[in-house]
């Protein structure tokens, strides 16, 4: 079209606002846990207390928990992802 559009030079790409995570207070977390029971409560408390991810918690086996050393072994965690 061979038309000059000088106003295009002043346009800039929009920037996204930084993503801020939602963080619950200790009282809010306790309130959520009060409404949970059974396996779901155990999983939620484990994930909250240890920082493990959902699939890490789902694949947890009894032999991965060492009560003497107070240690949980995470196998195939996200940090060791290949590919």
Protein backbone atom coordinates (compact mmCIF):
# COMPACT_ATOMS: atom_id res chain seq x y z
CA UNK A 1 0.00 0.00 0.00
CA UNK A 2 3.05 2.25 0.40
CA UNK A 3 1.29 4.47 2.96
CA UNK A 4 3.27 6.01 5.81
CA UNK A 5 1.61 5.78 9.21
CA UNK A 6 3.75 7.81 11.64
CA UNK A 7 1.38 7.30 14.59
CA UNK A 8 2.30 3.58 14.62
CA UNK A 9 5.80 4.45 15.82
CA UNK A 10 4.42 5.62 19.17
CA UNK A 11 2.52 2.41 19.93
CA UNK A 12 3.97 0.00 22.50
CA UNK A 13 3.05 -3.56 23.32
CA UNK A 14 0.90 -3.86 26.45
CA UNK A 15 2.51 -5.36 29.52
CA UNK A 16 0.79 -7.85 31.78
CA UNK A 17 0.36 -7.09 35.43
CA UNK A 18 2.55 -9.32 37.60
CA UNK A 19 0.77 -12.41 38.93
CA UNK A 20 0.39 -12.25 42.68
CA UNK A 21 -0.35 -15.49 44.50
CA UNK A 22 -3.24 -15.77 46.91
CA UNK A 23 -1.98 -16.53 50.40
CA UNK A 24 -4.26 -17.59 53.24
CA UNK A 25 -3.65 -16.60 56.84
CA UNK A 26 -3.01 -19.30 59.45
CA UNK A 27 -6.57 -18.83 60.78
CA UNK A 28 -8.05 -19.21 57.30
CA UNK A 29 -6.07 -22.41 56.71
CA UNK A 30 -7.22 -23.80 60.07
CA UNK A 31 -10.81 -22.99 59.14
CA UNK A 32 -10.48 -24.85 55.82
CA UNK A 33 -8.98 -27.88 57.59
CA UNK A 34 -11.86 -27.90 60.11
CA UNK A 35 -14.30 -28.50 57.26
CA UNK A 36 -12.34 -31.42 55.86
CA UNK A 37 -12.23 -35.01 57.05
CA UNK A 38 -10.77 -38.38 56.15
CA UNK A 39 -8.29 -38.93 53.35
CA UNK A 40 -8.86 -35.48 51.86
CA UNK A 41 -7.95 -33.77 55.13
CA UNK A 42 -4.82 -35.90 55.47
CA UNK A 43 -3.73 -35.10 51.92
CA UNK A 44 -4.44 -31.37 52.34
CA UNK A 45 -2.47 -31.22 55.59
CA UNK A 46 0.43 -33.16 54.09
CA UNK A 47 0.60 -30.89 51.05
CA UNK A 48 0.28 -27.74 53.17
CA UNK A 49 2.86 -28.83 55.73
CA UNK A 50 5.46 -30.24 53.35
CA UNK A 51 4.97 -28.19 50.21
CA UNK A 52 4.54 -31.27 48.06
CA UNK A 53 2.44 -31.14 44.93
CA UNK A 54 -0.80 -33.03 44.32
CA UNK A 55 0.67 -35.85 42.21
CA UNK A 56 3.57 -36.24 44.64
CA UNK A 57 1.02 -36.71 47.41
CA UNK A 58 -1.13 -39.08 45.32
CA UNK A 59 1.81 -41.38 44.56
CA UNK A 60 3.13 -41.40 48.13
CA UNK A 61 3.69 -44.89 49.53
CA UNK A 62 4.03 -46.02 53.14
CA UNK A 63 7.66 -46.98 52.56
CA UNK A 64 8.35 -43.37 51.50
CA UNK A 65 7.56 -42.17 55.03
CA UNK A 66 10.33 -42.58 57.63
CA UNK A 67 8.87 -41.78 61.04
CA UNK A 68 12.19 -42.30 62.86
CA UNK A 69 13.99 -39.69 60.79
CA UNK A 70 10.82 -37.58 60.35
CA UNK A 71 11.39 -37.64 56.61
CA UNK A 72 9.26 -38.13 53.49
CA UNK A 73 10.92 -39.30 50.28
CA UNK A 74 9.45 -37.81 47.11
CA UNK A 75 10.07 -39.94 44.03
CA UNK A 76 9.84 -38.44 40.55
CA UNK A 77 9.12 -34.94 41.80
CA UNK A 78 8.73 -32.01 39.44
CA UNK A 79 12.33 -30.88 40.02
CA UNK A 80 13.64 -34.12 38.50
CA UNK A 81 11.37 -33.90 35.45
CA UNK A 82 13.00 -35.16 32.26
CA UNK A 83 11.80 -34.10 28.85
